[in-house]
Structures are given as structure tokens and as C-alpha cells.
C-alpha atoms as a PDB file:
ATOM      1  CA  MET A   1       0.131   0.024  -0.133  1.00  0.00           C
ATOM      2  CA  HIS A   2       1.309   3.340  -1.028  1.00  0.00           C
ATOM      3  CA  LEU A   3       2.389   5.582   2.337  1.00  0.00           C
ATOM      4  CA  SER A   4       1.362   8.859   0.362  1.00  0.00           C
ATOM      5  CA  VAL A   5      -1.370  10.002  -1.843  1.00  0.00           C
ATOM      6  CA  PHE A   6       1.250  11.035  -4.499  1.00  0.00           C
ATOM      7  CA  GLU A   7       3.879   8.371  -4.046  1.00  0.00           C
ATOM      8  CA  GLN A   8       2.065   6.078  -6.832  1.00  0.00           C
ATOM      9  CA  PHE A   9       2.694   8.559  -9.522  1.00  0.00           C
ATOM     10  CA  GLU A  10       6.203   8.749  -8.504  1.00  0.00           C
ATOM     11  CA  LEU A  11       8.986   8.016 -11.642  1.00  0.00           C
ATOM     12  CA  VAL A  12      11.410   5.273  -9.703  1.00  0.00           C
ATOM     13  CA  HIS A  13      14.851   5.101 -10.938  1.00  0.00           C
ATOM     14  CA  LEU A  14      15.842   1.372 -11.014  1.00  0.00           C
ATOM     15  CA  PHE A  15      19.522   1.496 -12.534  1.00  0.00           C
ATOM     16  CA  ASP A  16      21.765   2.723 -15.381  1.00  0.00           C
ATOM     17  CA  PHE A  17      22.286   0.838 -18.710  1.00  0.00           C
ATOM     18  CA  LEU A  18      24.805   2.545 -20.567  1.00  0.00           C
ATOM     19  CA  PHE A  19      23.555   5.927 -21.260  1.00  0.00           C
ATOM     20  CA  ILE A  20      19.834   4.981 -20.653  1.00  0.00           C
ATOM     21  CA  SER A  21      18.711   5.748 -17.112  1.00  0.00           C
ATOM     22  CA  VAL A  22      15.965   2.663 -16.813  1.00  0.00           C
ATOM     23  CA  SER A  23      12.956   3.375 -14.170  1.00  0.00           C
ATOM     24  CA  ARG A  24      10.092   1.809 -13.036  1.00  0.00           C
ATOM     25  CA  HIS A  25       8.176   3.177 -15.995  1.00  0.00           C
ATOM     26  CA  SER A  26       9.943   2.284 -18.928  1.00  0.00           C
ATOM     27  CA  VAL A  27      10.400  -1.438 -17.372  1.00  0.00           C
ATOM     28  CA  TYR A  28       6.475  -1.449 -17.377  1.00  0.00           C
ATOM     29  CA  MET A  29       6.038  -0.177 -20.456  1.00  0.00           C
ATOM     30  CA  ILE A  30       8.288  -2.839 -21.968  1.00  0.00           C
ATOM     31  CA  LEU A  31       6.271  -5.661 -20.030  1.00  0.00           C
ATOM     32  CA  PHE A  32       2.884  -4.040 -21.325  1.00  0.00           C
ATOM     33  CA  PHE A  33       4.575  -3.972 -24.936  1.00  0.00           C
ATOM     34  CA  LEU A  34       5.306  -7.381 -24.853  1.00  0.00           C
ATOM     35  CA  LEU A  35       1.900  -8.744 -22.998  1.00  0.00           C
ATOM     36  CA  VAL A  36       0.062  -6.587 -25.902  1.00  0.00           C
ATOM     37  CA  THR A  37       2.127  -8.462 -28.541  1.00  0.00           C
ATOM     38  CA  TRP A  38       1.493 -11.785 -27.148  1.00  0.00           C
ATOM     39  CA  LEU A  39      -2.133 -11.128 -26.898  1.00  0.00           C
ATOM     40  CA  TYR A  40      -2.688 -10.143 -30.340  1.00  0.00           C
ATOM     41  CA  LYS A  41      -0.629 -13.196 -31.914  1.00  0.00           C
ATOM     42  CA  ASN A  42      -2.609 -15.374 -29.303  1.00  0.00           C
ATOM     43  CA  ILE A  43      -6.303 -13.720 -30.620  1.00  0.00           C
ATOM     44  CA  LYS A  44      -4.877 -14.075 -34.169  1.00  0.00           C
ATOM     45  CA  ALA A  45      -4.201 -17.853 -33.485  1.00  0.00           C
ATOM     46  CA  ASN A  46      -7.676 -18.847 -32.108  1.00  0.00           C
ATOM     47  CA  TRP A  47      -9.792 -16.559 -34.483  1.00  0.00           C
ATOM     48  CA  THR A  48     -12.465 -18.855 -35.758  1.00  0.00           C
ATOM     49  CA  LEU A  49     -15.651 -18.993 -37.928  1.00  0.00           C
ATOM     50  CA  PHE A  50     -17.805 -19.590 -34.995  1.00  0.00           C
ATOM     51  CA  PRO A  51     -16.851 -17.169 -32.295  1.00  0.00           C
ATOM     52  CA  SER A  52     -16.438 -17.770 -28.696  1.00  0.00           C
ATOM     53  CA  ASN A  53     -17.699 -15.261 -25.898  1.00  0.00           C
ATOM     54  CA  TRP A  54     -14.473 -13.679 -26.191  1.00  0.00           C
ATOM     55  CA  GLN A  55     -14.213 -13.473 -29.942  1.00  0.00           C
ATOM     56  CA  SER A  56     -17.677 -12.206 -30.009  1.00  0.00           C
ATOM     57  CA  PHE A  57     -16.635  -9.050 -27.579  1.00  0.00           C
ATOM     58  CA  LEU A  58     -13.640  -8.439 -29.556  1.00  0.00           C
ATOM     59  CA  GLU A  59     -15.593  -8.012 -32.714  1.00  0.00           C
ATOM     60  CA  MET A  60     -18.294  -5.806 -31.150  1.00  0.00           C
ATOM     61  CA  VAL A  61     -14.942  -3.436 -29.690  1.00  0.00           C
ATOM     62  CA  TYR A  62     -13.799  -3.698 -33.813  1.00  0.00           C
ATOM     63  CA  GLU A  63     -17.544  -2.710 -35.311  1.00  0.00           C
ATOM     64  CA  PHE A  64     -17.686   0.063 -32.636  1.00  0.00           C
ATOM     65  CA  LEU A  65     -14.269   1.586 -33.499  1.00  0.00           C
ATOM     66  CA  TYR A  66     -14.805   1.220 -37.309  1.00  0.00           C
ATOM     67  CA  GLY A  67     -17.859   2.842 -36.957  1.00  0.00           C
ATOM     68  CA  LEU A  68     -16.440   5.711 -34.831  1.00  0.00           C
ATOM     69  CA  ILE A  69     -13.688   6.577 -37.486  1.00  0.00           C
ATOM     70  CA  LYS A  70     -15.918   6.421 -40.207  1.00  0.00           C
ATOM     71  CA  GLU A  71     -18.491   8.826 -38.710  1.00  0.00           C
ATOM     72  CA  GLN A  72     -16.076  10.981 -37.364  1.00  0.00           C
ATOM     73  CA  SER A  73     -13.459  10.947 -40.810  1.00  0.00           C
ATOM     74  CA  GLY A  74     -15.287   9.541 -43.354  1.00  0.00           C
ATOM     75  CA  LYS A  75     -14.406   7.306 -45.934  1.00  0.00           C
ATOM     76  CA  GLN A  76     -10.710   8.514 -46.535  1.00  0.00           C
ATOM     77  CA  GLY A  77     -10.292   8.063 -42.411  1.00  0.00           C
ATOM     78  CA  VAL A  78     -11.215   4.656 -42.523  1.00  0.00           C
ATOM     79  CA  VAL A  79      -7.740   4.011 -44.173  1.00  0.00           C
ATOM     80  CA  TYR A  80      -6.541   4.569 -40.299  1.00  0.00           C
ATOM     81  CA  PHE A  81      -8.410   2.262 -38.564  1.00  0.00           C
ATOM     82  CA  VAL A  82      -5.524   0.177 -37.702  1.00  0.00           C
ATOM     83  CA  LEU A  83      -4.052   3.106 -36.007  1.00  0.00           C
ATOM     84  CA  VAL A  84      -7.465   4.616 -34.125  1.00  0.00           C
ATOM     85  CA  ALA A  85      -8.036   1.086 -32.957  1.00  0.00           C
ATOM     86  CA  ASP A  86      -4.469   0.270 -31.991  1.00  0.00           C
ATOM     87  CA  LEU A  87      -4.728   3.135 -29.867  1.00  0.00           C
ATOM     88  CA  PHE A  88      -8.018   2.884 -28.117  1.00  0.00           C
ATOM     89  CA  ILE A  89      -6.940  -0.838 -26.759  1.00  0.00           C
ATOM     90  CA  PHE A  90      -3.223   0.564 -25.680  1.00  0.00           C
ATOM     91  CA  ILE A  91      -4.733   3.597 -23.421  1.00  0.00           C
ATOM     92  CA  ALA A  92      -7.945   1.706 -22.460  1.00  0.00           C
ATOM     93  CA  MET A  93      -5.528  -1.398 -21.070  1.00  0.00           C
ATOM     94  CA  LEU A  94      -3.020   1.008 -19.619  1.00  0.00           C
ATOM     95  CA  ASN A  95      -5.878   2.483 -17.700  1.00  0.00           C
ATOM     96  CA  ILE A  96      -7.579  -0.572 -17.011  1.00  0.00           C
ATOM     97  CA  LEU A  97      -4.444  -2.055 -15.407  1.00  0.00           C
ATOM     98  CA  GLY A  98      -3.694   0.616 -13.329  1.00  0.00           C
ATOM     99  CA  MET A  99      -6.928  -0.047 -11.492  1.00  0.00           C
ATOM    100  CA  PHE A 100      -5.678  -3.426 -10.039  1.00  0.00           C
ATOM    101  CA  PRO A 101      -4.142  -3.439  -6.090  1.00  0.00           C
ATOM    102  CA  PHE A 102      -0.472  -2.344  -6.551  1.00  0.00           C
ATOM    103  CA  GLY A 103      -0.881  -1.893 -10.287  1.00  0.00           C
ATOM    104  CA  TYR A 104       0.930   1.330 -12.040  1.00  0.00           C
ATOM    105  CA  THR A 105      -0.863   3.685 -14.299  1.00  0.00           C
ATOM    106  CA  ALA A 106       1.313   4.898 -16.548  1.00  0.00           C
ATOM    107  CA  THR A 107      -0.807   7.241 -18.245  1.00  0.00           C
ATOM    108  CA  SER A 108      -0.985   9.239 -15.165  1.00  0.00           C
ATOM    109  CA  HIS A 109       2.506  10.394 -16.542  1.00  0.00           C
ATOM    110  CA  ILE A 110       3.663  12.939 -18.892  1.00  0.00           C
ATOM    111  CA  ALA A 111       6.323  10.823 -20.469  1.00  0.00           C
ATOM    112  CA  THR A 112       3.719   8.317 -21.699  1.00  0.00           C
ATOM    113  CA  THR A 113       0.652  10.513 -22.438  1.00  0.00           C
ATOM    114  CA  GLY A 114       2.827  13.526 -24.039  1.00  0.00           C
ATOM    115  CA  GLY A 115       5.291  10.964 -25.944  1.00  0.00           C
ATOM    116  CA  LEU A 116       1.767   9.322 -27.233  1.00  0.00           C
ATOM    117  CA  ALA A 117       0.135  13.041 -28.069  1.00  0.00           C
ATOM    118  CA  LEU A 118       3.178  14.075 -30.020  1.00  0.00           C
ATOM    119  CA  SER A 119       4.324  11.004 -31.819  1.00  0.00           C
ATOM    120  CA  ILE A 120       0.341  11.459 -33.028  1.00  0.00           C
ATOM    121  CA  PHE A 121      -0.004  14.735 -33.496  1.00  0.00           C
ATOM    122  CA  ILE A 122       3.101  14.582 -35.810  1.00  0.00           C
ATOM    123  CA  GLY A 123       2.318  11.484 -37.530  1.00  0.00           C
ATOM    124  CA  ILE A 124      -1.188  13.151 -38.357  1.00  0.00           C
ATOM    125  CA  GLN A 125       0.535  16.460 -39.774  1.00  0.00           C
ATOM    126  CA  VAL A 126       2.661  13.822 -42.148  1.00  0.00           C
ATOM    127  CA  ILE A 127      -0.387  12.452 -43.251  1.00  0.00           C
ATOM    128  CA  GLY A 128      -2.037  15.985 -43.725  1.00  0.00           C
ATOM    129  CA  ILE A 129       1.120  17.458 -45.607  1.00  0.00           C
ATOM    130  CA  THR A 130       1.374  14.185 -48.241  1.00  0.00           C
ATOM    131  CA  ILE A 131      -2.263  14.762 -49.246  1.00  0.00           C
ATOM    132  CA  GLN A 132      -2.866  18.617 -48.580  1.00  0.00           C
ATOM    133  CA  LYS A 133       0.673  19.258 -50.207  1.00  0.00           C
ATOM    134  CA  GLU A 134       0.444  23.217 -50.140  1.00  0.00           C
ATOM    135  CA  ARG A 135      -3.346  23.709 -49.337  1.00  0.00           C
ATOM    136  CA  PHE A 136      -2.257  22.297 -45.867  1.00  0.00           C
ATOM    137  CA  LEU A 137      -1.318  26.061 -45.061  1.00  0.00           C
ATOM    138  CA  GLU A 138      -4.889  26.742 -45.103  1.00  0.00           C
ATOM    139  CA  LEU A 139      -5.773  25.569 -41.959  1.00  0.00           C
ATOM    140  CA  PHE A 140      -3.893  28.431 -40.450  1.00  0.00           C
ATOM    141  CA  LEU A 141      -5.867  30.737 -42.760  1.00  0.00           C
ATOM    142  CA  PRO A 142      -9.879  30.299 -42.836  1.00  0.00           C
ATOM    143  CA  LYS A 143     -11.820  31.160 -45.499  1.00  0.00           C
ATOM    144  CA  GLY A 144     -13.854  34.704 -45.249  1.00  0.00           C
ATOM    145  CA  ALA A 145     -11.590  35.959 -42.552  1.00  0.00           C
ATOM    146  CA  PRO A 146     -11.535  39.711 -42.323  1.00  0.00           C
ATOM    147  CA  VAL A 147      -8.547  41.336 -44.242  1.00  0.00           C
ATOM    148  CA  TRP A 148      -7.567  43.178 -41.505  1.00  0.00           C
ATOM    149  CA  LEU A 149      -6.834  40.337 -39.154  1.00  0.00           C
ATOM    150  CA  LEU A 150      -4.660  38.239 -41.680  1.00  0.00           C
ATOM    151  CA  PRO A 151      -1.529  38.935 -40.426  1.00  0.00           C
ATOM    152  CA  LEU A 152      -2.609  37.995 -36.768  1.00  0.00           C
ATOM    153  CA  ILE A 153      -4.909  35.175 -37.644  1.00  0.00           C
ATOM    154  CA  PRO A 154      -2.122  32.782 -39.025  1.00  0.00           C
ATOM    155  CA  VAL A 155      -0.501  33.191 -35.621  1.00  0.00           C
ATOM    156  CA  ILE A 156      -3.561  32.472 -33.479  1.00  0.00           C
ATOM    157  CA  GLU A 157      -4.419  29.677 -35.637  1.00  0.00           C
ATOM    158  CA  PHE A 158      -1.153  28.214 -35.370  1.00  0.00           C
ATOM    159  CA  ILE A 159      -0.726  28.556 -31.526  1.00  0.00           C
ATOM    160  CA  SER A 160      -3.834  26.739 -31.107  1.00  0.00           C
ATOM    161  CA  TYR A 161      -2.848  24.044 -33.686  1.00  0.00           C
ATOM    162  CA  LEU A 162       0.313  23.267 -31.550  1.00  0.00           C
ATOM    163  CA  PHE A 163      -1.951  23.380 -28.293  1.00  0.00           C
ATOM    164  CA  ARG A 164      -3.823  20.075 -29.843  1.00  0.00           C
ATOM    165  CA  VAL A 165      -0.520  18.112 -28.149  1.00  0.00           C
ATOM    166  CA  PHE A 166      -0.940  19.669 -24.823  1.00  0.00           C
ATOM    167  CA  SER A 167      -4.996  19.209 -24.844  1.00  0.00           C
ATOM    168  CA  LEU A 168      -4.164  15.594 -25.706  1.00  0.00           C
ATOM    169  CA  ALA A 169      -1.780  14.791 -23.211  1.00  0.00           C
ATOM    170  CA  VAL A 170      -3.247  16.777 -19.908  1.00  0.00           C
ATOM    171  CA  ARG A 171      -6.625  16.064 -20.512  1.00  0.00           C
ATOM    172  CA  LEU A 172      -5.672  11.878 -19.823  1.00  0.00           C
ATOM    173  CA  ILE A 173      -3.156  12.848 -17.107  1.00  0.00           C
ATOM    174  CA  SER A 174      -5.756  14.953 -15.399  1.00  0.00           C
ATOM    175  CA  ASN A 175      -8.563  12.705 -15.109  1.00  0.00           C
ATOM    176  CA  MET A 176      -6.486   9.551 -14.352  1.00  0.00           C
ATOM    177  CA  ILE A 177      -4.698  11.473 -11.792  1.00  0.00           C
ATOM    178  CA  SER A 178      -7.875  12.745  -9.951  1.00  0.00           C
ATOM    179  CA  GLY A 179      -9.786   9.668  -9.973  1.00  0.00           C
ATOM    180  CA  HIS A 180      -6.991   7.525  -8.287  1.00  0.00           C
ATOM    181  CA  LEU A 181      -6.349  10.477  -5.908  1.00  0.00           C
ATOM    182  CA  LEU A 182     -10.095  10.269  -4.530  1.00  0.00           C
ATOM    183  CA  ILE A 183      -9.969   6.446  -4.357  1.00  0.00           C
ATOM    184  CA  HIS A 184      -6.904   6.346  -2.397  1.00  0.00           C
ATOM    185  CA  ILE A 185      -8.209   9.167   0.139  1.00  0.00           C
ATOM    186  CA  PHE A 186     -11.427   7.187   0.745  1.00  0.00           C
ATOM    187  CA  ALA A 187      -9.662   4.098   0.725  1.00  0.00           C
ATOM    188  CA  GLY A 188      -6.873   5.498   3.560  1.00  0.00           C
ATOM    189  CA  PHE A 189     -10.099   6.698   5.345  1.00  0.00           C
ATOM    190  CA  SER A 190     -11.740   2.962   5.272  1.00  0.00           C
ATOM    191  CA  TRP A 191      -8.683   1.779   7.008  1.00  0.00           C
ATOM    192  CA  LYS A 192      -8.296   4.414   9.581  1.00  0.00           C
ATOM    193  CA  LEU A 193     -12.102   3.661  10.607  1.00  0.00           C
ATOM    194  CA  LEU A 194     -11.224   0.007  10.346  1.00  0.00           C
ATOM    195  CA  ILE A 195      -8.030   0.154  12.429  1.00  0.00           C
ATOM    196  CA  ASN A 196      -9.401   2.606  15.031  1.00  0.00           C
ATOM    197  CA  GLY A 197     -12.564   0.309  15.653  1.00  0.00           C
ATOM    198  CA  GLY A 198     -15.055   1.508  18.527  1.00  0.00           C
ATOM    199  CA  VAL A 199     -18.051   3.248  17.445  1.00  0.00           C
ATOM    200  CA  LEU A 200     -16.180   4.769  14.152  1.00  0.00           C
ATOM    201  CA  LEU A 201     -16.457   0.752  12.711  1.00  0.00           C
ATOM    202  CA  LEU A 202     -19.910   1.393  12.410  1.00  0.00           C
ATOM    203  CA  LEU A 203     -19.087   3.769   9.830  1.00  0.00           C
ATOM    204  CA  PHE A 204     -16.991   1.469   7.850  1.00  0.00           C
ATOM    205  CA  PRO A 205     -19.284  -0.256   5.516  1.00  0.00           C
ATOM    206  CA  ILE A 206     -20.590   3.203   4.340  1.00  0.00           C
ATOM    207  CA  ALA A 207     -16.862   4.238   3.425  1.00  0.00           C
ATOM    208  CA  PHE A 208     -16.304   0.667   1.895  1.00  0.00           C
ATOM    209  CA  GLY A 209     -19.152   1.248  -0.096  1.00  0.00           C
ATOM    210  CA  ILE A 210     -17.982   4.654  -1.504  1.00  0.00           C
ATOM    211  CA  VAL A 211     -14.488   3.405  -1.842  1.00  0.00           C
ATOM    212  CA  PHE A 212     -16.207   0.279  -4.334  1.00  0.00           C
ATOM    213  CA  PHE A 213     -18.438   2.574  -5.770  1.00  0.00           C
ATOM    214  CA  LEU A 214     -15.738   4.850  -6.821  1.00  0.00           C
ATOM    215  CA  THR A 215     -13.620   2.194  -8.239  1.00  0.00           C
ATOM    216  CA  GLY A 216     -16.469   1.100 -10.281  1.00  0.00           C
ATOM    217  CA  LEU A 217     -16.671   4.811 -11.512  1.00  0.00           C
ATOM    218  CA  GLU A 218     -12.934   5.172 -12.120  1.00  0.00           C
ATOM    219  CA  MET A 219     -13.099   1.741 -14.195  1.00  0.00           C
ATOM    220  CA  GLY A 220     -16.075   3.860 -16.624  1.00  0.00           C
ATOM    221  CA  ILE A 221     -13.813   6.523 -16.461  1.00  0.00           C
ATOM    222  CA  ALA A 222     -11.049   4.803 -17.729  1.00  0.00           C
ATOM    223  CA  LEU A 223     -12.654   3.597 -20.856  1.00  0.00           C
ATOM    224  CA  LEU A 224     -13.856   6.926 -21.270  1.00  0.00           C
ATOM    225  CA  GLN A 225     -10.673   8.881 -21.650  1.00  0.00           C
ATOM    226  CA  ALA A 226      -9.888   6.008 -24.105  1.00  0.00           C
ATOM    227  CA  TYR A 227     -12.602   7.033 -25.941  1.00  0.00           C
ATOM    228  CA  VAL A 228     -12.079  10.823 -25.924  1.00  0.00           C
ATOM    229  CA  PHE A 229      -8.467  10.289 -27.027  1.00  0.00           C
ATOM    230  CA  THR A 230      -9.257   8.266 -29.893  1.00  0.00           C
ATOM    231  CA  LEU A 231     -12.048  10.708 -30.666  1.00  0.00           C
ATOM    232  CA  LEU A 232      -9.897  13.555 -30.949  1.00  0.00           C
ATOM    233  CA  VAL A 233      -7.129  11.862 -32.836  1.00  0.00           C
ATOM    234  CA  CYS A 234     -10.542  11.317 -35.451  1.00  0.00           C
ATOM    235  CA  ILE A 235     -11.281  14.907 -35.232  1.00  0.00           C
ATOM    236  CA  TYR A 236      -7.861  16.202 -35.996  1.00  0.00           C
ATOM    237  CA  LEU A 237      -7.374  13.548 -38.818  1.00  0.00           C
ATOM    238  CA  VAL A 238     -10.702  15.387 -40.240  1.00  0.00           C
ATOM    239  CA  ASP A 239      -8.406  18.472 -40.471  1.00  0.00           C
ATOM    240  CA  VAL A 240      -6.036  17.025 -42.718  1.00  0.00           C
ATOM    241  CA  LEU A 241      -7.920  14.993 -44.754  1.00  0.00           C
ATOM    242  CA  TYR A 242     -10.281  17.272 -45.990  1.00  0.00           C
ATOM    243  CA  GLY A 243      -9.297  20.676 -45.025  1.00  0.00           C
ATOM    244  CA  HIS A 244     -10.295  23.575 -42.544  1.00  0.00           C
ATOM    245  CA  ALA A 245     -12.793  25.266 -44.164  1.00  0.00           C
ATOM    246  CA  ASP A 246     -14.807  22.124 -45.475  1.00  0.00           C
END
């Protein structure tokens, strides 16, 4: 059990390998990558014509994500379905694994969310420049803008465009940290009621019920944040695929 409320979010240094500093976070991400790779291979090897309950569930997730990107990004966006699906599953699994006892929430660190948001953002810009070419610059100069604002609008649009990286990263971090802190505080309060005993022991079932409710709520938020992150990526794809003015 963590002694401090914020201890679960600390980056713990383990050792140095050559010029690389290896932390608990980096080891966790490597193990997580190996786990996901194994799961993908295992699922592919056991995919059958007559689906099991697990396969039926995965097919439902597939249809949901396919419908999401088709609705938000259109026919051109469907090409990037694999990216969107992997992104959703990646974030959702990281969020949910962090809910287990003694678990580690990798999405509560800027190293994860910031790196993910930045790499996705750069990738989207490459897609936009490849497809739109010189028309890509029209993203920063909306049609119909007043002439006297022309020198200022591109600067404002460019700054707000760059803030998409910040928005993607911080939104996920803030929601995961706030939820975990709330659960940690109530769990600590419940533990105090239990060990102090006496009349306070009567309040323990209520406090424990609140912790149980918050944990279930946080599980839902974990999936919701993965959905929101994926949805925003789909929306950002629309700009580079069809242009700002469309």
C-alpha cells in the first residue's frame, strides 16, 4: 500500500544501462508491450469462424471503433482504422491495468501521454502534408476572414493548433490522477475507520461502499478517457484529410 497519496505517481529509478536511465515506468512499458504483442498473436491464432464469447466481444469492439472512425473521419479516415483501434486498445488497457491493487498507472505520467500525443500529432501532420501539399497551410488561414486580421489569424491558429498536443496529453493525465487520488483518499479513510475500531467501525461499511462505487466509476472513466482520446484523434484527422474550410 502506498504511504503517500502521490507516491503511486512517482518515477522510481531502478538502474542505469549504458547512457540510458531505466525506471519503473520504462520497465512497465516494455512488459506491457510484450503482453500486448502476445495477446495479439494469441487472438489471431485462435480466431475461428464460429466465435467464442471472447471473440464476439472483440468483434463488437472492432465494429464500434470502425463505426467511430467512419462517422468522424469519413471514407478517407477508414484507411487509418488500425491506428485508431490500436490507440484505443492501448490506452484502455493501460488505464484499466492501473486500477488493479498495487498496479501502476502509466497514463498518469507525461512521459506516456506526452510522448503518445506528440507522436500522433506529428504523424497526422505528415499525413496532412502528404495529402494536401501546399493547401495544408490553409488550415491556418480560414476562408472569409477579415482582411485587417490576416496578419494575426495565422499566428493565433498556429498556436491553438500546437495546443492540441497539450490538450491530448493533459486531459488524460488530469482525469486519471484525479480519479486515483479520490479512491486513495477514501480507501485510506476506510482503513483508519477499521483499525481505530469502536463507534467509528460502524461507518466502515459506508466508507467501503463509497470506495467500491468510486472504483467502478473510475473503471468507466478509464474506458471513457480512451474513447475521448481516440475521438479527438479522429477529429484532428478530419482537418488534414479534408481541409479546415470543409
